[in-house]
Amino acid sequence: MTELLVARLESHMPLEAADRAGLLTLPTQLRQFSTRNVTLAGKLLDNHVHVIDDGFACRYRDLPDGRRQILSILVPGDVIDLRQFVLGGTQPFLAALSPLSMSAIPNENLLRLLETSPRATRALWSTTLVEESISREWLVSIGKRSALERVAHLLCEIYLRLAAVGRNTGSRFPLPLTQSELADVLGLSTVHVNRTLQELRKSGLIAFQSGIVELFDFDALAALGLFSPGYLHLREPNSTKPIPA
């Protein structure tokens, strides 16, 4: 479903009609994983770029004693393996956080398009730079934000990333992570995540049940999490201007 790829790219910079047409006609092969917590390394197609159509995945690192740090959350529209497309090498440590479907695009077809479409090339490059920007902000969260600030900040981020590709419903959005997985994202214990979510619920800022989050006051949650969206480099729809920080 390259429509989601186009939506992700255009959330950062506008594309010309020819760029959109080229992306939408790329051949794809559907890849599906029906269960969560499936390790994806070695299970993706070689010499292909994979775009998430539905579901959540993550990049992660395990320590020898089994502890895990989730390094990034991948949502619909995200491209999993641009680094391998450019640099080659082995597939990254990836896992499905929910049932997952992806569109696999042959490297040779994507490369042929990029050779004739500088704007699409810049747009794909921008997604990698935004990933690096998100990683830096996560580092700030783990290093300096309190537990309450970390959770609030993450919820604001995921909400906007999903909204950019039309995957939220008003103030509601999917977040199919367990409290243990949220702990692996935020550098907290599962107990601490549980207490923090309870505090946010009691404050009337969110509801979180059965993998669905509802934000009752985004601005208040953003203020609580010291959240500013500038690092996501999202632009206003039908505009070349970014959303103000």
C-alpha atoms as a PDB file:
ATOM      1  CA  MET A   1       0.000   0.000   0.000  1.00  0.00           C
ATOM      2  CA  THR A   2       2.297   2.735  -1.269  1.00  0.00           C
ATOM      3  CA  GLU A   3      -0.414   5.330  -0.556  1.00  0.00           C
ATOM      4  CA  LEU A   4       0.778   5.252   3.049  1.00  0.00           C
ATOM      5  CA  LEU A   5       4.367   5.774   1.920  1.00  0.00           C
ATOM      6  CA  VAL A   6       3.270   8.822  -0.067  1.00  0.00           C
ATOM      7  CA  ALA A   7       1.365  10.129   2.966  1.00  0.00           C
ATOM      8  CA  ARG A   8       4.419   9.658   5.184  1.00  0.00           C
ATOM      9  CA  LEU A   9       6.723  11.426   2.737  1.00  0.00           C
ATOM     10  CA  GLU A  10       4.276  14.284   2.196  1.00  0.00           C
ATOM     11  CA  SER A  11       3.937  14.770   5.934  1.00  0.00           C
ATOM     12  CA  HIS A  12       7.503  16.110   5.743  1.00  0.00           C
ATOM     13  CA  MET A  13       7.689  17.742   2.311  1.00  0.00           C
ATOM     14  CA  PRO A  14       5.337  18.210  -0.678  1.00  0.00           C
ATOM     15  CA  LEU A  15       5.688  15.983  -3.725  1.00  0.00           C
ATOM     16  CA  GLU A  16       4.948  16.738  -7.356  1.00  0.00           C
ATOM     17  CA  ALA A  17       2.241  14.797  -9.176  1.00  0.00           C
ATOM     18  CA  ALA A  18       4.878  12.844 -11.111  1.00  0.00           C
ATOM     19  CA  ASP A  19       6.599  11.839  -7.861  1.00  0.00           C
ATOM     20  CA  ARG A  20       3.335  10.591  -6.401  1.00  0.00           C
ATOM     21  CA  ALA A  21       2.494   8.678  -9.563  1.00  0.00           C
ATOM     22  CA  GLY A  22       5.915   7.034  -9.607  1.00  0.00           C
ATOM     23  CA  LEU A  23       5.636   5.966  -5.984  1.00  0.00           C
ATOM     24  CA  LEU A  24       2.084   4.693  -6.392  1.00  0.00           C
ATOM     25  CA  THR A  25       3.040   2.487  -9.347  1.00  0.00           C
ATOM     26  CA  LEU A  26       5.959   0.780  -7.608  1.00  0.00           C
ATOM     27  CA  PRO A  27       5.448  -3.001  -7.552  1.00  0.00           C
ATOM     28  CA  THR A  28       4.879  -4.411  -4.070  1.00  0.00           C
ATOM     29  CA  GLN A  29       4.634  -7.772  -2.402  1.00  0.00           C
ATOM     30  CA  LEU A  30       2.485  -8.164   0.701  1.00  0.00           C
ATOM     31  CA  ARG A  31       4.201  -9.535   3.804  1.00  0.00           C
ATOM     32  CA  GLN A  32       2.080 -10.437   6.831  1.00  0.00           C
ATOM     33  CA  PHE A  33       2.819 -11.614  10.358  1.00  0.00           C
ATOM     34  CA  SER A  34      -0.278 -12.644  12.263  1.00  0.00           C
ATOM     35  CA  THR A  35       1.096 -12.647  15.805  1.00  0.00           C
ATOM     36  CA  ARG A  36       2.851 -10.098  17.994  1.00  0.00           C
ATOM     37  CA  ASN A  37       6.359 -10.456  19.402  1.00  0.00           C
ATOM     38  CA  VAL A  38       7.617 -12.086  16.213  1.00  0.00           C
ATOM     39  CA  THR A  39      11.264 -11.378  15.542  1.00  0.00           C
ATOM     40  CA  LEU A  40      11.492 -10.040  11.982  1.00  0.00           C
ATOM     41  CA  ALA A  41      15.248 -10.199  11.430  1.00  0.00           C
ATOM     42  CA  GLY A  42      15.905 -12.724   8.686  1.00  0.00           C
ATOM     43  CA  LYS A  43      12.205 -12.928   7.776  1.00  0.00           C
ATOM     44  CA  LEU A  44      12.022  -9.893   5.504  1.00  0.00           C
ATOM     45  CA  LEU A  45      12.728 -10.082   1.796  1.00  0.00           C
ATOM     46  CA  ASP A  46      16.319  -9.443   0.789  1.00  0.00           C
ATOM     47  CA  ASN A  47      16.867  -6.625  -1.712  1.00  0.00           C
ATOM     48  CA  HIS A  48      13.527  -5.064  -0.803  1.00  0.00           C
ATOM     49  CA  VAL A  49      12.420  -2.012   1.162  1.00  0.00           C
ATOM     50  CA  HIS A  50       9.485  -2.648   3.509  1.00  0.00           C
ATOM     51  CA  VAL A  51       6.774  -0.099   4.315  1.00  0.00           C
ATOM     52  CA  ILE A  52       4.390  -0.772   7.211  1.00  0.00           C
ATOM     53  CA  ASP A  53       0.772  -0.883   6.030  1.00  0.00           C
ATOM     54  CA  ASP A  54      -0.861  -1.843   9.301  1.00  0.00           C
ATOM     55  CA  GLY A  55       0.316  -2.555  12.827  1.00  0.00           C
ATOM     56  CA  PHE A  56       3.298  -1.556  14.943  1.00  0.00           C
ATOM     57  CA  ALA A  57       6.885  -2.808  14.997  1.00  0.00           C
ATOM     58  CA  CYS A  58      10.061  -1.811  16.787  1.00  0.00           C
ATOM     59  CA  ARG A  59      13.816  -1.751  16.536  1.00  0.00           C
ATOM     60  CA  TYR A  60      15.463  -3.080  19.672  1.00  0.00           C
ATOM     61  CA  ARG A  61      18.621  -4.327  21.355  1.00  0.00           C
ATOM     62  CA  ASP A  62      18.846  -7.179  23.845  1.00  0.00           C
ATOM     63  CA  LEU A  63      21.419  -7.410  26.611  1.00  0.00           C
ATOM     64  CA  PRO A  64      23.037 -10.794  27.392  1.00  0.00           C
ATOM     65  CA  ASP A  65      20.853 -11.203  30.500  1.00  0.00           C
ATOM     66  CA  GLY A  66      17.665 -10.811  28.452  1.00  0.00           C
ATOM     67  CA  ARG A  67      16.833  -7.197  29.206  1.00  0.00           C
ATOM     68  CA  ARG A  68      15.625  -5.281  26.159  1.00  0.00           C
ATOM     69  CA  GLN A  69      15.703  -1.654  25.120  1.00  0.00           C
ATOM     70  CA  ILE A  70      13.266  -0.622  22.382  1.00  0.00           C
ATOM     71  CA  LEU A  71      15.121   1.906  20.243  1.00  0.00           C
ATOM     72  CA  SER A  72      12.279   3.064  18.009  1.00  0.00           C
ATOM     73  CA  ILE A  73       8.603   2.433  17.354  1.00  0.00           C
ATOM     74  CA  LEU A  74       7.587   1.937  13.730  1.00  0.00           C
ATOM     75  CA  VAL A  75       4.025   2.843  12.737  1.00  0.00           C
ATOM     76  CA  PRO A  76       2.007   2.702   9.481  1.00  0.00           C
ATOM     77  CA  GLY A  77       3.750   4.562   6.680  1.00  0.00           C
ATOM     78  CA  ASP A  78       7.223   4.083   8.146  1.00  0.00           C
ATOM     79  CA  VAL A  79       9.991   2.537   6.042  1.00  0.00           C
ATOM     80  CA  ILE A  80      11.824  -0.176   7.923  1.00  0.00           C
ATOM     81  CA  ASP A  81      15.091  -0.668   6.102  1.00  0.00           C
ATOM     82  CA  LEU A  82      16.288   2.398   4.195  1.00  0.00           C
ATOM     83  CA  ARG A  83      19.730   2.043   5.767  1.00  0.00           C
ATOM     84  CA  GLN A  84      20.116  -1.432   4.295  1.00  0.00           C
ATOM     85  CA  PHE A  85      18.868  -0.078   0.957  1.00  0.00           C
ATOM     86  CA  VAL A  86      21.681   2.503   0.940  1.00  0.00           C
ATOM     87  CA  LEU A  87      24.473   0.790   2.853  1.00  0.00           C
ATOM     88  CA  GLY A  88      23.705  -2.918   2.537  1.00  0.00           C
ATOM     89  CA  GLY A  89      24.497  -5.212   5.449  1.00  0.00           C
ATOM     90  CA  THR A  90      22.349  -7.417   7.631  1.00  0.00           C
ATOM     91  CA  GLN A  91      18.741  -6.736   8.551  1.00  0.00           C
ATOM     92  CA  PRO A  92      18.279  -4.818  11.815  1.00  0.00           C
ATOM     93  CA  PHE A  93      16.889  -6.302  15.031  1.00  0.00           C
ATOM     94  CA  LEU A  94      13.157  -5.891  14.491  1.00  0.00           C
ATOM     95  CA  ALA A  95      10.059  -7.257  16.187  1.00  0.00           C
ATOM     96  CA  ALA A  96       6.324  -7.002  15.587  1.00  0.00           C
ATOM     97  CA  LEU A  97       4.433  -5.324  18.415  1.00  0.00           C
ATOM     98  CA  SER A  98       1.086  -6.351  16.919  1.00  0.00           C
ATOM     99  CA  PRO A  99      -0.174  -8.314  13.911  1.00  0.00           C
ATOM    100  CA  LEU A 100       1.675  -6.668  11.070  1.00  0.00           C
ATOM    101  CA  SER A 101       1.353  -6.207   7.325  1.00  0.00           C
ATOM    102  CA  MET A 102       3.970  -4.617   5.084  1.00  0.00           C
ATOM    103  CA  SER A 103       4.503  -3.783   1.434  1.00  0.00           C
ATOM    104  CA  ALA A 104       7.863  -5.006   0.145  1.00  0.00           C
ATOM    105  CA  ILE A 105       9.226  -2.874  -2.711  1.00  0.00           C
ATOM    106  CA  PRO A 106      12.080  -4.275  -4.847  1.00  0.00           C
ATOM    107  CA  ASN A 107      15.252  -2.225  -4.419  1.00  0.00           C
ATOM    108  CA  GLU A 108      15.847  -2.058  -8.154  1.00  0.00           C
ATOM    109  CA  ASN A 109      12.432  -0.497  -8.839  1.00  0.00           C
ATOM    110  CA  LEU A 110      12.817   2.053  -6.045  1.00  0.00           C
ATOM    111  CA  LEU A 111      16.331   2.923  -7.206  1.00  0.00           C
ATOM    112  CA  ARG A 112      15.107   3.424 -10.777  1.00  0.00           C
ATOM    113  CA  LEU A 113      12.458   5.855  -9.532  1.00  0.00           C
ATOM    114  CA  LEU A 114      14.891   7.795  -7.344  1.00  0.00           C
ATOM    115  CA  GLU A 115      17.331   8.219 -10.231  1.00  0.00           C
ATOM    116  CA  THR A 116      14.678  10.243 -12.068  1.00  0.00           C
ATOM    117  CA  SER A 117      12.935  11.898  -9.105  1.00  0.00           C
ATOM    118  CA  PRO A 118      15.158  14.162  -6.985  1.00  0.00           C
ATOM    119  CA  ARG A 119      12.229  15.327  -4.857  1.00  0.00           C
ATOM    120  CA  ALA A 120      11.220  11.764  -3.962  1.00  0.00           C
ATOM    121  CA  THR A 121      14.862  11.106  -3.101  1.00  0.00           C
ATOM    122  CA  ARG A 122      14.911  14.112  -0.769  1.00  0.00           C
ATOM    123  CA  ALA A 123      11.634  13.033   0.789  1.00  0.00           C
ATOM    124  CA  LEU A 124      12.930   9.532   1.541  1.00  0.00           C
ATOM    125  CA  TRP A 125      16.137  11.027   2.903  1.00  0.00           C
ATOM    126  CA  SER A 126      14.055  13.282   5.134  1.00  0.00           C
ATOM    127  CA  THR A 127      12.344  10.287   6.752  1.00  0.00           C
ATOM    128  CA  THR A 128      15.728   8.948   7.846  1.00  0.00           C
ATOM    129  CA  LEU A 129      16.731  12.339   9.239  1.00  0.00           C
ATOM    130  CA  VAL A 130      13.426  12.552  11.140  1.00  0.00           C
ATOM    131  CA  GLU A 131      14.115   9.115  12.647  1.00  0.00           C
ATOM    132  CA  GLU A 132      17.439  10.436  13.919  1.00  0.00           C
ATOM    133  CA  SER A 133      15.679  13.483  15.341  1.00  0.00           C
ATOM    134  CA  ILE A 134      13.191  11.243  17.158  1.00  0.00           C
ATOM    135  CA  SER A 135      16.042   9.147  18.565  1.00  0.00           C
ATOM    136  CA  ARG A 136      17.691  12.263  19.993  1.00  0.00           C
ATOM    137  CA  GLU A 137      14.426  13.308  21.644  1.00  0.00           C
ATOM    138  CA  TRP A 138      14.001   9.843  23.155  1.00  0.00           C
ATOM    139  CA  LEU A 139      17.508  10.121  24.567  1.00  0.00           C
ATOM    140  CA  VAL A 140      16.518  13.384  26.254  1.00  0.00           C
ATOM    141  CA  SER A 141      13.444  11.679  27.709  1.00  0.00           C
ATOM    142  CA  ILE A 142      15.407   8.787  29.183  1.00  0.00           C
ATOM    143  CA  GLY A 143      18.126  11.093  30.470  1.00  0.00           C
ATOM    144  CA  LYS A 144      16.129  13.996  31.901  1.00  0.00           C
ATOM    145  CA  ARG A 145      12.338  13.677  31.782  1.00  0.00           C
ATOM    146  CA  SER A 146      10.418  12.271  34.741  1.00  0.00           C
ATOM    147  CA  ALA A 147       8.297   9.130  34.316  1.00  0.00           C
ATOM    148  CA  LEU A 148       5.145  11.212  33.948  1.00  0.00           C
ATOM    149  CA  GLU A 149       6.815  13.463  31.386  1.00  0.00           C
ATOM    150  CA  ARG A 150       8.161  10.487  29.422  1.00  0.00           C
ATOM    151  CA  VAL A 151       4.771   8.810  29.082  1.00  0.00           C
ATOM    152  CA  ALA A 152       2.977  12.057  28.200  1.00  0.00           C
ATOM    153  CA  HIS A 153       5.659  12.933  25.639  1.00  0.00           C
ATOM    154  CA  LEU A 154       5.473   9.525  23.952  1.00  0.00           C
ATOM    155  CA  LEU A 155       1.675   9.628  23.691  1.00  0.00           C
ATOM    156  CA  CYS A 156       1.793  13.068  22.060  1.00  0.00           C
ATOM    157  CA  GLU A 157       4.429  11.879  19.593  1.00  0.00           C
ATOM    158  CA  ILE A 158       2.619   8.708  18.525  1.00  0.00           C
ATOM    159  CA  TYR A 159      -0.647  10.622  18.168  1.00  0.00           C
ATOM    160  CA  LEU A 160       0.916  13.123  15.745  1.00  0.00           C
ATOM    161  CA  ARG A 161       2.838  10.501  13.775  1.00  0.00           C
ATOM    162  CA  LEU A 162      -0.356   8.525  13.212  1.00  0.00           C
ATOM    163  CA  ALA A 163      -2.404  11.642  12.475  1.00  0.00           C
ATOM    164  CA  ALA A 164       0.085  12.559   9.733  1.00  0.00           C
ATOM    165  CA  VAL A 165      -0.930   9.445   7.770  1.00  0.00           C
ATOM    166  CA  GLY A 166      -4.616   9.449   8.727  1.00  0.00           C
ATOM    167  CA  ARG A 167      -4.435   6.588  11.208  1.00  0.00           C
ATOM    168  CA  ASN A 168      -6.179   8.176  14.176  1.00  0.00           C
ATOM    169  CA  THR A 169      -9.889   8.745  14.760  1.00  0.00           C
ATOM    170  CA  GLY A 170     -10.324  12.204  16.194  1.00  0.00           C
ATOM    171  CA  SER A 171      -8.601  12.123  19.567  1.00  0.00           C
ATOM    172  CA  ARG A 172      -8.317   8.312  19.563  1.00  0.00           C
ATOM    173  CA  PHE A 173      -5.417   6.267  18.205  1.00  0.00           C
ATOM    174  CA  PRO A 174      -4.114   2.688  18.426  1.00  0.00           C
ATOM    175  CA  LEU A 175      -1.192   1.879  20.697  1.00  0.00           C
ATOM    176  CA  PRO A 176      -0.970  -1.930  20.870  1.00  0.00           C
ATOM    177  CA  LEU A 177       1.948  -2.026  23.317  1.00  0.00           C
ATOM    178  CA  THR A 178       1.834  -3.825  26.637  1.00  0.00           C
ATOM    179  CA  GLN A 179       2.966  -2.028  29.772  1.00  0.00           C
ATOM    180  CA  SER A 180       6.110  -4.174  29.695  1.00  0.00           C
ATOM    181  CA  GLU A 181       6.845  -2.975  26.144  1.00  0.00           C
ATOM    182  CA  LEU A 182       6.211   0.634  27.144  1.00  0.00           C
ATOM    183  CA  ALA A 183       8.701   0.083  29.956  1.00  0.00           C
ATOM    184  CA  ASP A 184      11.256  -1.126  27.389  1.00  0.00           C
ATOM    185  CA  VAL A 185      10.653   2.071  25.392  1.00  0.00           C
ATOM    186  CA  LEU A 186      10.787   4.491  28.296  1.00  0.00           C
ATOM    187  CA  GLY A 187      13.545   3.015  30.433  1.00  0.00           C
ATOM    188  CA  LEU A 188      11.152   2.439  33.341  1.00  0.00           C
ATOM    189  CA  SER A 189       9.929  -0.576  35.288  1.00  0.00           C
ATOM    190  CA  THR A 190       6.575  -2.095  34.385  1.00  0.00           C
ATOM    191  CA  VAL A 191       5.270  -1.119  37.828  1.00  0.00           C
ATOM    192  CA  HIS A 192       6.322   2.496  37.259  1.00  0.00           C
ATOM    193  CA  VAL A 193       4.600   2.577  33.855  1.00  0.00           C
ATOM    194  CA  ASN A 194       1.421   1.195  35.427  1.00  0.00           C
ATOM    195  CA  ARG A 195       1.400   3.831  38.154  1.00  0.00           C
ATOM    196  CA  THR A 196       2.101   6.613  35.673  1.00  0.00           C
ATOM    197  CA  LEU A 197      -0.736   5.557  33.356  1.00  0.00           C
ATOM    198  CA  GLN A 198      -3.071   5.415  36.338  1.00  0.00           C
ATOM    199  CA  GLU A 199      -2.032   8.951  37.286  1.00  0.00           C
ATOM    200  CA  LEU A 200      -2.734  10.196  33.752  1.00  0.00           C
ATOM    201  CA  ARG A 201      -6.129   8.498  33.760  1.00  0.00           C
ATOM    202  CA  LYS A 202      -7.051   9.983  37.134  1.00  0.00           C
ATOM    203  CA  SER A 203      -6.003  13.424  35.919  1.00  0.00           C
ATOM    204  CA  GLY A 204      -8.617  13.165  33.156  1.00  0.00           C
ATOM    205  CA  LEU A 205      -6.046  13.643  30.382  1.00  0.00           C
ATOM    206  CA  ILE A 206      -6.240  10.196  28.760  1.00  0.00           C
ATOM    207  CA  ALA A 207      -8.091   6.912  28.535  1.00  0.00           C
ATOM    208  CA  PHE A 208      -6.116   3.795  27.586  1.00  0.00           C
ATOM    209  CA  GLN A 209      -7.896   0.488  27.164  1.00  0.00           C
ATOM    210  CA  SER A 210      -7.567  -2.532  24.853  1.00  0.00           C
ATOM    211  CA  GLY A 211      -4.767  -0.953  22.859  1.00  0.00           C
ATOM    212  CA  ILE A 212      -6.642   2.308  22.165  1.00  0.00           C
ATOM    213  CA  VAL A 213      -5.611   5.673  23.611  1.00  0.00           C
ATOM    214  CA  GLU A 214      -7.922   8.660  23.792  1.00  0.00           C
ATOM    215  CA  LEU A 215      -6.503  12.108  24.500  1.00  0.00           C
ATOM    216  CA  PHE A 216      -8.974  14.419  26.219  1.00  0.00           C
ATOM    217  CA  ASP A 217      -6.705  17.483  26.281  1.00  0.00           C
ATOM    218  CA  PHE A 218      -3.724  17.295  23.917  1.00  0.00           C
ATOM    219  CA  ASP A 219      -2.392  20.735  24.865  1.00  0.00           C
ATOM    220  CA  ALA A 220      -2.424  19.934  28.583  1.00  0.00           C
ATOM    221  CA  LEU A 221      -0.745  16.572  27.944  1.00  0.00           C
ATOM    222  CA  ALA A 222       1.895  18.255  25.770  1.00  0.00           C
ATOM    223  CA  ALA A 223       2.582  20.822  28.485  1.00  0.00           C
ATOM    224  CA  LEU A 224       2.913  18.050  31.055  1.00  0.00           C
ATOM    225  CA  GLY A 225       5.353  16.127  28.848  1.00  0.00           C
ATOM    226  CA  LEU A 226       7.369  19.208  27.847  1.00  0.00           C
ATOM    227  CA  PHE A 227       6.419  18.238  24.304  1.00  0.00           C
ATOM    228  CA  SER A 228       7.136  20.424  21.295  1.00  0.00           C
ATOM    229  CA  PRO A 229       6.444  18.871  17.866  1.00  0.00           C
ATOM    230  CA  GLY A 230       9.270  20.596  16.003  1.00  0.00           C
ATOM    231  CA  TYR A 231      11.544  17.542  16.132  1.00  0.00           C
ATOM    232  CA  LEU A 232       8.993  15.551  14.102  1.00  0.00           C
ATOM    233  CA  HIS A 233       9.374  18.001  11.194  1.00  0.00           C
ATOM    234  CA  LEU A 234       5.731  17.658  10.206  1.00  0.00           C
ATOM    235  CA  ARG A 235       4.242  20.171   7.846  1.00  0.00           C
ATOM    236  CA  GLU A 236       0.721  21.513   7.777  1.00  0.00           C
ATOM    237  CA  PRO A 237      -1.464  19.700   5.204  1.00  0.00           C
ATOM    238  CA  ASN A 238      -1.397  21.347   1.754  1.00  0.00           C
ATOM    239  CA  SER A 239       1.397  23.633   2.900  1.00  0.00           C
ATOM    240  CA  THR A 240       5.146  23.781   2.478  1.00  0.00           C
ATOM    241  CA  LYS A 241       5.468  25.161   6.013  1.00  0.00           C
ATOM    242  CA  PRO A 242       6.242  22.943   9.015  1.00  0.00           C
ATOM    243  CA  ILE A 243       3.926  22.767  11.996  1.00  0.00           C
ATOM    244  CA  PRO A 244       5.181  25.399  14.456  1.00  0.00           C
ATOM    245  CA  ALA A 245       7.350  24.054  17.284  1.00  0.00           C
END
